[in-house]
């Protein structure tokens, strides 16, 4: 299998404008499903999970207009429907940065210091989450995201996309 590199890209602005008007709850459901699966597979350190209890989180994808709000309570990640106050911790990045993060092509520190990932809110909680992400030992099959090569080829054809190697 060849090594595939996810390029840095930004989707056209109209995507975020449209995406911001779409229902956001599907994003939250998908994210908490993945997080709960990772927790049950023991991919997330139990002591770190306890530090998340009762906290609220927002993951915003800048160039898609998508957001996912969730919390961790009673051993489960749960979606938060509606904006009930400021989250304890917010992550903001373009889609390409999240894809690079989840595929382990980039780590949170590199994305943060390159200003591709913004982390706002409780600094101590941010460090707990960052260390949790760094500690995850992904099974080999997780590093391969189905269809990613085709997505990258499509993105390469977009006008005005930026590519930083």
N, C-alpha and C. Protein backbone atom coordinates (compact mmCIF):
# COMPACT_ATOMS: atom_id res chain seq x y z
N UNK A 1 0.85 -1.18 0.00
CA UNK A 1 0.00 0.00 0.00
C UNK A 1 0.89 1.24 0.00
N UNK A 2 0.57 2.18 -0.87
CA UNK A 2 1.37 3.40 -0.95
C UNK A 2 0.95 4.36 0.15
N UNK A 3 1.88 5.23 0.55
CA UNK A 3 1.59 6.24 1.56
C UNK A 3 0.88 7.40 0.90
N UNK A 4 -0.25 7.78 1.44
CA UNK A 4 -1.05 8.86 0.87
C UNK A 4 -0.95 10.08 1.77
N UNK A 5 -0.70 11.24 1.19
CA UNK A 5 -0.60 12.48 1.95
C UNK A 5 -1.83 13.34 1.69
N UNK A 6 -2.45 13.78 2.76
CA UNK A 6 -3.61 14.66 2.65
C UNK A 6 -3.10 16.08 2.47
N UNK A 7 -3.44 16.72 1.36
CA UNK A 7 -2.96 18.09 1.15
C UNK A 7 -3.72 19.08 2.04
N UNK A 8 -3.10 20.20 2.30
CA UNK A 8 -3.79 21.29 3.00
C UNK A 8 -4.63 22.02 1.96
N UNK A 9 -5.91 22.14 2.25
CA UNK A 9 -6.80 22.83 1.32
C UNK A 9 -7.88 23.57 2.10
N UNK A 10 -8.53 24.48 1.41
CA UNK A 10 -9.65 25.22 1.97
C UNK A 10 -10.76 25.17 0.94
N UNK A 11 -11.93 24.70 1.37
CA UNK A 11 -13.07 24.64 0.46
C UNK A 11 -13.54 26.05 0.12
N UNK A 12 -14.20 26.23 -1.02
CA UNK A 12 -14.70 27.56 -1.40
C UNK A 12 -15.65 28.11 -0.33
N UNK A 13 -15.67 29.44 -0.19
CA UNK A 13 -16.47 30.10 0.85
C UNK A 13 -17.95 29.76 0.79
N UNK A 14 -18.49 29.55 -0.40
CA UNK A 14 -19.93 29.27 -0.50
C UNK A 14 -20.31 27.98 0.22
N UNK A 15 -19.36 27.05 0.34
CA UNK A 15 -19.65 25.79 1.04
C UNK A 15 -19.97 26.06 2.51
N UNK A 16 -19.17 26.90 3.15
CA UNK A 16 -19.41 27.24 4.56
C UNK A 16 -20.70 28.04 4.72
N UNK A 17 -20.97 28.92 3.77
CA UNK A 17 -22.20 29.72 3.86
C UNK A 17 -23.44 28.83 3.78
N UNK A 18 -23.41 27.84 2.91
CA UNK A 18 -24.53 26.91 2.80
C UNK A 18 -24.55 25.98 4.01
N UNK A 19 -23.38 25.44 4.36
CA UNK A 19 -23.29 24.49 5.47
C UNK A 19 -23.76 25.04 6.79
N UNK A 20 -23.55 26.33 7.03
CA UNK A 20 -23.96 26.94 8.29
C UNK A 20 -25.48 26.99 8.43
N UNK A 21 -26.20 26.89 7.31
CA UNK A 21 -27.66 26.93 7.35
C UNK A 21 -28.30 25.55 7.40
N UNK A 22 -27.48 24.51 7.32
CA UNK A 22 -27.99 23.14 7.39
C UNK A 22 -28.08 22.68 8.84
N UNK A 23 -28.93 21.69 9.11
CA UNK A 23 -28.99 21.16 10.49
C UNK A 23 -27.61 20.65 10.93
N UNK A 24 -27.25 20.94 12.16
CA UNK A 24 -25.93 20.56 12.67
C UNK A 24 -25.96 19.28 13.50
N UNK A 25 -27.15 18.83 13.90
CA UNK A 25 -27.22 17.65 14.75
C UNK A 25 -26.63 16.39 14.14
N UNK A 26 -26.69 16.17 12.80
CA UNK A 26 -26.06 14.95 12.28
C UNK A 26 -24.56 14.89 12.56
N UNK A 27 -23.90 16.06 12.54
CA UNK A 27 -22.46 16.10 12.82
C UNK A 27 -22.19 15.63 14.24
N UNK A 28 -23.00 16.13 15.18
CA UNK A 28 -22.82 15.78 16.59
C UNK A 28 -23.07 14.29 16.80
N UNK A 29 -24.11 13.75 16.17
CA UNK A 29 -24.41 12.32 16.32
C UNK A 29 -23.27 11.46 15.77
N UNK A 30 -22.75 11.83 14.61
CA UNK A 30 -21.65 11.06 14.02
C UNK A 30 -20.41 11.13 14.90
N UNK A 31 -20.09 12.32 15.40
CA UNK A 31 -18.89 12.48 16.22
C UNK A 31 -19.00 11.70 17.53
N UNK A 32 -20.13 11.82 18.24
CA UNK A 32 -20.26 11.11 19.52
C UNK A 32 -20.30 9.60 19.30
N UNK A 33 -20.84 9.14 18.17
CA UNK A 33 -20.82 7.71 17.87
C UNK A 33 -19.39 7.21 17.74
N UNK A 34 -18.57 7.97 17.02
CA UNK A 34 -17.17 7.59 16.88
C UNK A 34 -16.42 7.65 18.20
N UNK A 35 -16.66 8.69 18.99
CA UNK A 35 -15.99 8.82 20.28
C UNK A 35 -16.41 7.72 21.24
N UNK A 36 -17.70 7.38 21.26
CA UNK A 36 -18.16 6.30 22.13
C UNK A 36 -17.57 4.96 21.72
N UNK A 37 -17.46 4.74 20.41
CA UNK A 37 -16.84 3.51 19.92
C UNK A 37 -15.37 3.45 20.35
N UNK A 38 -14.65 4.56 20.19
CA UNK A 38 -13.24 4.61 20.60
C UNK A 38 -13.11 4.36 22.10
N UNK A 39 -14.02 4.92 22.90
CA UNK A 39 -13.96 4.72 24.35
C UNK A 39 -14.23 3.26 24.70
N UNK A 40 -15.21 2.64 24.07
CA UNK A 40 -15.54 1.23 24.37
C UNK A 40 -14.45 0.28 23.90
N UNK A 41 -13.72 0.67 22.86
CA UNK A 41 -12.59 -0.15 22.39
C UNK A 41 -11.33 0.11 23.22
N UNK A 42 -11.47 0.96 24.23
CA UNK A 42 -10.36 1.30 25.13
C UNK A 42 -9.23 2.03 24.41
N UNK A 43 -9.57 2.77 23.35
CA UNK A 43 -8.58 3.58 22.65
C UNK A 43 -8.35 4.91 23.38
N UNK A 44 -9.32 5.33 24.21
CA UNK A 44 -9.21 6.58 24.96
C UNK A 44 -8.87 6.24 26.41
N UNK A 45 -7.83 6.85 26.97
CA UNK A 45 -7.43 6.55 28.35
C UNK A 45 -8.54 6.89 29.35
N UNK A 46 -8.87 5.92 30.22
CA UNK A 46 -9.96 6.09 31.18
C UNK A 46 -9.76 7.28 32.11
N UNK A 47 -8.53 7.50 32.58
CA UNK A 47 -8.29 8.63 33.49
C UNK A 47 -8.55 9.96 32.80
N UNK A 48 -8.23 10.05 31.51
CA UNK A 48 -8.49 11.27 30.76
C UNK A 48 -9.98 11.47 30.56
N UNK A 49 -10.69 10.38 30.31
CA UNK A 49 -12.14 10.49 30.12
C UNK A 49 -12.81 11.07 31.36
N UNK A 50 -12.34 10.69 32.54
CA UNK A 50 -12.93 11.21 33.77
C UNK A 50 -12.74 12.73 33.87
N UNK A 51 -11.65 13.24 33.31
CA UNK A 51 -11.41 14.69 33.32
C UNK A 51 -12.40 15.45 32.43
N UNK A 52 -13.05 14.74 31.51
CA UNK A 52 -13.99 15.37 30.58
C UNK A 52 -15.41 15.45 31.15
N UNK A 53 -15.65 14.75 32.26
CA UNK A 53 -17.00 14.63 32.81
C UNK A 53 -17.64 16.00 33.05
N UNK A 54 -18.84 16.17 32.51
CA UNK A 54 -19.61 17.38 32.71
C UNK A 54 -19.17 18.57 31.87
N UNK A 55 -18.16 18.41 31.06
CA UNK A 55 -17.67 19.51 30.21
C UNK A 55 -18.38 19.48 28.86
N UNK A 56 -18.49 20.66 28.24
CA UNK A 56 -19.08 20.74 26.91
C UNK A 56 -18.01 21.14 25.90
N UNK A 57 -18.17 20.63 24.69
CA UNK A 57 -17.18 20.81 23.64
C UNK A 57 -17.86 21.23 22.35
N UNK A 58 -17.13 21.99 21.55
CA UNK A 58 -17.58 22.37 20.21
C UNK A 58 -16.44 22.08 19.24
N UNK A 59 -16.75 21.33 18.19
CA UNK A 59 -15.81 21.11 17.10
C UNK A 59 -16.42 21.79 15.88
N UNK A 60 -15.74 22.83 15.39
CA UNK A 60 -16.23 23.60 14.25
C UNK A 60 -15.31 23.37 13.05
N UNK A 61 -15.91 23.09 11.91
CA UNK A 61 -15.17 22.92 10.66
C UNK A 61 -15.40 24.19 9.85
N UNK A 62 -14.40 25.06 9.88
CA UNK A 62 -14.54 26.41 9.32
C UNK A 62 -15.02 26.44 7.88
N UNK A 63 -14.40 25.63 7.03
CA UNK A 63 -14.70 25.75 5.60
C UNK A 63 -15.90 24.93 5.14
N UNK A 64 -16.57 24.22 6.07
CA UNK A 64 -17.81 23.53 5.70
C UNK A 64 -19.02 24.16 6.39
N UNK A 65 -18.77 25.00 7.40
CA UNK A 65 -19.88 25.57 8.17
C UNK A 65 -20.47 24.59 9.17
N UNK A 66 -19.85 23.44 9.31
CA UNK A 66 -20.36 22.41 10.21
C UNK A 66 -19.85 22.57 11.63
N UNK A 67 -20.71 22.22 12.58
CA UNK A 67 -20.34 22.26 14.00
C UNK A 67 -20.91 21.03 14.69
N UNK A 68 -20.19 20.56 15.70
CA UNK A 68 -20.68 19.46 16.53
C UNK A 68 -20.46 19.85 17.98
N UNK A 69 -21.56 19.91 18.73
CA UNK A 69 -21.50 20.19 20.17
C UNK A 69 -21.79 18.89 20.91
N UNK A 70 -20.98 18.64 21.95
CA UNK A 70 -21.19 17.41 22.71
C UNK A 70 -20.66 17.57 24.12
N UNK A 71 -20.98 16.60 24.95
CA UNK A 71 -20.53 16.57 26.33
C UNK A 71 -20.16 15.14 26.68
N UNK A 72 -19.55 14.96 27.84
CA UNK A 72 -19.22 13.61 28.33
C UNK A 72 -19.82 13.49 29.72
N UNK A 73 -20.72 12.53 29.89
CA UNK A 73 -21.38 12.34 31.18
C UNK A 73 -21.75 10.88 31.37
N UNK A 74 -21.55 10.38 32.58
CA UNK A 74 -21.92 9.00 32.94
C UNK A 74 -21.33 7.96 32.00
N UNK A 75 -20.09 8.18 31.57
CA UNK A 75 -19.40 7.20 30.73
C UNK A 75 -19.74 7.23 29.25
N UNK A 76 -20.47 8.27 28.82
CA UNK A 76 -20.87 8.36 27.41
C UNK A 76 -20.67 9.77 26.88
N UNK A 77 -20.24 9.84 25.63
CA UNK A 77 -20.28 11.11 24.91
C UNK A 77 -21.71 11.28 24.43
N UNK A 78 -22.25 12.50 24.58
CA UNK A 78 -23.63 12.76 24.20
C UNK A 78 -23.70 14.06 23.42
N UNK A 79 -24.51 14.09 22.35
CA UNK A 79 -24.65 15.34 21.60
C UNK A 79 -25.36 16.39 22.43
N UNK A 80 -25.03 17.65 22.18
CA UNK A 80 -25.72 18.77 22.80
C UNK A 80 -26.46 19.48 21.68
N UNK A 81 -27.77 19.49 21.78
CA UNK A 81 -28.59 20.12 20.74
C UNK A 81 -28.90 21.54 21.17
N UNK A 82 -28.63 22.48 20.29
CA UNK A 82 -28.83 23.89 20.61
C UNK A 82 -27.62 24.44 21.33
N UNK A 83 -27.42 25.71 21.21
CA UNK A 83 -26.26 26.37 21.82
C UNK A 83 -26.62 26.84 23.22
N UNK A 84 -26.38 26.00 24.20
CA UNK A 84 -26.69 26.34 25.60
C UNK A 84 -25.44 26.92 26.26
N UNK A 85 -25.14 28.19 25.98
CA UNK A 85 -23.98 28.84 26.57
C UNK A 85 -22.69 28.49 25.85
N UNK A 86 -21.62 29.07 26.37
CA UNK A 86 -20.29 28.85 25.78
C UNK A 86 -19.77 27.46 26.16
N UNK A 87 -19.18 26.75 25.20
CA UNK A 87 -18.59 25.46 25.53
C UNK A 87 -17.33 25.65 26.38
N UNK A 88 -16.96 24.62 27.13
CA UNK A 88 -15.73 24.68 27.92
C UNK A 88 -14.50 24.67 27.02
N UNK A 89 -14.62 23.99 25.87
CA UNK A 89 -13.48 23.89 24.96
C UNK A 89 -14.00 23.88 23.52
N UNK A 90 -13.35 24.67 22.67
CA UNK A 90 -13.73 24.77 21.26
C UNK A 90 -12.52 24.49 20.38
N UNK A 91 -12.73 23.65 19.38
CA UNK A 91 -11.72 23.40 18.35
C UNK A 91 -12.26 23.95 17.05
N UNK A 92 -11.43 24.71 16.32
CA UNK A 92 -11.81 25.25 15.01
C UNK A 92 -10.67 24.97 14.03
N UNK A 93 -11.04 24.44 12.87
CA UNK A 93 -10.06 24.16 11.81
C UNK A 93 -10.80 23.93 10.51
N UNK A 94 -10.05 23.97 9.41
CA UNK A 94 -10.62 23.58 8.13
C UNK A 94 -10.66 22.06 8.04
N UNK A 95 -11.45 21.55 7.12
CA UNK A 95 -11.62 20.12 6.95
C UNK A 95 -10.28 19.40 6.77
N UNK A 96 -9.39 19.97 5.97
CA UNK A 96 -8.11 19.30 5.70
C UNK A 96 -7.31 19.09 6.99
N UNK A 97 -7.34 20.04 7.90
CA UNK A 97 -6.59 19.89 9.16
C UNK A 97 -7.15 18.75 9.99
N UNK A 98 -8.48 18.64 10.06
CA UNK A 98 -9.08 17.53 10.81
C UNK A 98 -8.75 16.18 10.16
N UNK A 99 -8.76 16.12 8.82
CA UNK A 99 -8.41 14.88 8.14
C UNK A 99 -6.95 14.52 8.41
N UNK A 100 -6.07 15.52 8.41
CA UNK A 100 -4.66 15.27 8.71
C UNK A 100 -4.49 14.79 10.16
N UNK A 101 -5.27 15.34 11.06
CA UNK A 101 -5.20 14.97 12.47
C UNK A 101 -5.67 13.53 12.68
N UNK A 102 -6.84 13.19 12.15
CA UNK A 102 -7.41 11.87 12.38
C UNK A 102 -6.59 10.77 11.68
N UNK A 103 -5.93 11.10 10.59
CA UNK A 103 -5.10 10.12 9.89
C UNK A 103 -3.69 10.04 10.46
N UNK A 104 -3.41 10.87 11.47
CA UNK A 104 -2.10 10.93 12.14
C UNK A 104 -1.00 11.48 11.24
N UNK A 105 -1.38 12.16 10.17
CA UNK A 105 -0.39 12.80 9.32
C UNK A 105 0.22 14.00 10.05
N UNK A 106 -0.62 14.68 10.83
CA UNK A 106 -0.15 15.81 11.64
C UNK A 106 -0.63 15.61 13.07
N UNK A 107 0.10 16.19 14.00
CA UNK A 107 -0.31 16.13 15.40
C UNK A 107 -0.93 17.47 15.79
N UNK A 108 -1.68 17.49 16.90
CA UNK A 108 -2.36 18.74 17.29
C UNK A 108 -1.40 19.92 17.48
N UNK A 109 -0.21 19.67 18.03
CA UNK A 109 0.74 20.76 18.25
C UNK A 109 1.16 21.43 16.94
N UNK A 110 1.49 20.61 15.95
CA UNK A 110 1.92 21.16 14.66
C UNK A 110 0.80 21.99 14.04
N UNK A 111 -0.41 21.45 14.04
CA UNK A 111 -1.54 22.19 13.46
C UNK A 111 -1.79 23.48 14.23
N UNK A 112 -1.68 23.43 15.55
CA UNK A 112 -1.90 24.61 16.37
C UNK A 112 -0.84 25.68 16.09
N UNK A 113 0.43 25.28 16.10
CA UNK A 113 1.50 26.27 15.90
C UNK A 113 1.57 26.79 14.47
N UNK A 114 1.02 26.03 13.52
CA UNK A 114 0.93 26.51 12.13
C UNK A 114 -0.37 27.28 11.90
N UNK A 115 -1.11 27.54 12.97
CA UNK A 115 -2.37 28.30 12.93
C UNK A 115 -3.43 27.65 12.05
N UNK A 116 -3.39 26.32 11.96
CA UNK A 116 -4.40 25.58 11.21
C UNK A 116 -5.46 25.01 12.15
N UNK A 117 -5.18 25.00 13.45
CA UNK A 117 -6.11 24.52 14.46
C UNK A 117 -6.16 25.55 15.58
N UNK A 118 -7.37 25.99 15.88
CA UNK A 118 -7.57 26.95 16.97
C UNK A 118 -8.22 26.21 18.13
N UNK A 119 -7.68 26.42 19.33
CA UNK A 119 -8.23 25.81 20.54
C UNK A 119 -8.55 26.95 21.49
N UNK A 120 -9.83 27.05 21.87
CA UNK A 120 -10.29 28.15 22.70
C UNK A 120 -10.97 27.59 23.94
N UNK A 121 -10.80 28.30 25.05
CA UNK A 121 -11.50 27.90 26.27
C UNK A 121 -10.55 27.47 27.37
N UNK A 122 -10.95 26.48 28.13
CA UNK A 122 -10.23 25.97 29.30
C UNK A 122 -8.89 25.36 28.88
N UNK A 123 -7.80 26.06 29.20
CA UNK A 123 -6.46 25.63 28.78
C UNK A 123 -6.09 24.27 29.34
N UNK A 124 -6.38 24.03 30.62
CA UNK A 124 -6.05 22.74 31.23
C UNK A 124 -6.82 21.61 30.56
N UNK A 125 -8.09 21.83 30.27
CA UNK A 125 -8.90 20.84 29.58
C UNK A 125 -8.35 20.60 28.17
N UNK A 126 -7.92 21.66 27.51
CA UNK A 126 -7.31 21.53 26.19
C UNK A 126 -6.08 20.63 26.21
N UNK A 127 -5.26 20.76 27.25
CA UNK A 127 -4.08 19.91 27.38
C UNK A 127 -4.46 18.45 27.62
N UNK A 128 -5.51 18.22 28.41
CA UNK A 128 -5.98 16.86 28.65
C UNK A 128 -6.40 16.22 27.33
N UNK A 129 -7.19 16.95 26.53
CA UNK A 129 -7.66 16.42 25.25
C UNK A 129 -6.49 16.20 24.29
N UNK A 130 -5.57 17.15 24.23
CA UNK A 130 -4.40 17.01 23.35
C UNK A 130 -3.58 15.78 23.74
N UNK A 131 -3.35 15.60 25.04
CA UNK A 131 -2.58 14.44 25.49
C UNK A 131 -3.33 13.14 25.22
N UNK A 132 -4.66 13.19 25.32
CA UNK A 132 -5.46 12.01 25.01
C UNK A 132 -5.31 11.64 23.54
N UNK A 133 -5.37 12.65 22.66
CA UNK A 133 -5.21 12.40 21.23
C UNK A 133 -3.82 11.83 20.94
N UNK A 134 -2.81 12.38 21.59
CA UNK A 134 -1.44 11.90 21.38
C UNK A 134 -1.25 10.47 21.87
N UNK A 135 -2.00 10.06 22.91
CA UNK A 135 -1.83 8.74 23.52
C UNK A 135 -2.57 7.63 22.78
N UNK A 136 -3.46 8.00 21.87
CA UNK A 136 -4.26 6.98 21.17
C UNK A 136 -3.35 6.14 20.28
N UNK A 137 -3.48 4.83 20.45
CA UNK A 137 -2.78 3.89 19.58
C UNK A 137 -3.80 3.34 18.60
N UNK A 138 -3.87 3.96 17.41
CA UNK A 138 -4.86 3.55 16.42
C UNK A 138 -4.52 2.19 15.85
N UNK A 139 -5.52 1.33 15.66
CA UNK A 139 -5.27 0.09 14.92
C UNK A 139 -4.85 0.46 13.50
N UNK A 140 -4.05 -0.38 12.83
CA UNK A 140 -3.56 -0.05 11.48
C UNK A 140 -4.66 0.30 10.49
N UNK A 141 -5.82 -0.32 10.58
CA UNK A 141 -6.89 -0.07 9.61
C UNK A 141 -7.52 1.31 9.78
N UNK A 142 -7.35 1.95 10.93
CA UNK A 142 -7.97 3.25 11.16
C UNK A 142 -7.27 4.34 10.37
N UNK A 143 -5.97 4.20 10.11
CA UNK A 143 -5.23 5.23 9.40
C UNK A 143 -5.67 5.41 7.96
N UNK A 144 -6.41 4.44 7.43
CA UNK A 144 -6.86 4.51 6.04
C UNK A 144 -8.31 4.96 6.02
N UNK A 145 -8.57 6.10 5.45
CA UNK A 145 -9.92 6.65 5.37
C UNK A 145 -10.47 6.34 3.98
N UNK A 146 -11.56 5.54 3.90
CA UNK A 146 -12.09 5.17 2.58
C UNK A 146 -12.42 6.39 1.73
N UNK A 147 -12.02 6.33 0.46
CA UNK A 147 -12.36 7.39 -0.49
C UNK A 147 -11.50 8.64 -0.39
N UNK A 148 -10.53 8.66 0.52
CA UNK A 148 -9.75 9.87 0.73
C UNK A 148 -8.91 10.24 -0.50
N UNK A 149 -8.38 9.22 -1.19
CA UNK A 149 -7.59 9.50 -2.38
C UNK A 149 -8.44 10.21 -3.43
N UNK A 150 -9.70 9.75 -3.61
CA UNK A 150 -10.60 10.38 -4.58
C UNK A 150 -10.97 11.79 -4.15
N UNK A 151 -11.20 11.99 -2.84
CA UNK A 151 -11.52 13.32 -2.34
C UNK A 151 -10.36 14.28 -2.61
N UNK A 152 -9.14 13.82 -2.36
CA UNK A 152 -7.97 14.66 -2.58
C UNK A 152 -7.83 15.04 -4.06
N UNK A 153 -8.08 14.09 -4.95
CA UNK A 153 -8.00 14.38 -6.38
C UNK A 153 -9.03 15.42 -6.78
N UNK A 154 -10.23 15.32 -6.21
CA UNK A 154 -11.27 16.31 -6.49
C UNK A 154 -10.87 17.68 -5.97
N UNK A 155 -10.33 17.73 -4.76
CA UNK A 155 -9.92 19.01 -4.16
C UNK A 155 -8.83 19.66 -5.00
N UNK A 156 -7.95 18.85 -5.57
CA UNK A 156 -6.86 19.39 -6.37
C UNK A 156 -7.37 20.15 -7.59
N UNK A 157 -8.60 19.86 -8.01
CA UNK A 157 -9.15 20.54 -9.19
C UNK A 157 -9.87 21.84 -8.85
N UNK A 158 -10.07 22.12 -7.55
CA UNK A 158 -10.79 23.33 -7.15
C UNK A 158 -9.95 24.58 -7.43
N UNK A 159 -10.58 25.61 -7.99
CA UNK A 159 -9.83 26.85 -8.23
C UNK A 159 -9.51 27.54 -6.91
N UNK A 160 -8.32 28.10 -6.82
CA UNK A 160 -7.94 28.90 -5.66
C UNK A 160 -7.60 28.10 -4.42
N UNK A 161 -7.49 26.77 -4.52
CA UNK A 161 -7.15 26.00 -3.33
C UNK A 161 -5.69 26.24 -3.02
N UNK A 162 -5.38 26.24 -1.71
CA UNK A 162 -3.98 26.43 -1.32
C UNK A 162 -3.42 25.08 -0.93
N UNK A 163 -2.20 24.84 -1.29
CA UNK A 163 -1.53 23.59 -0.94
C UNK A 163 -0.22 23.94 -0.25
N UNK A 164 -0.09 23.48 0.98
CA UNK A 164 1.14 23.70 1.74
C UNK A 164 1.75 22.34 2.01
N UNK A 165 2.92 22.09 1.48
CA UNK A 165 3.55 20.79 1.69
C UNK A 165 4.46 20.82 2.88
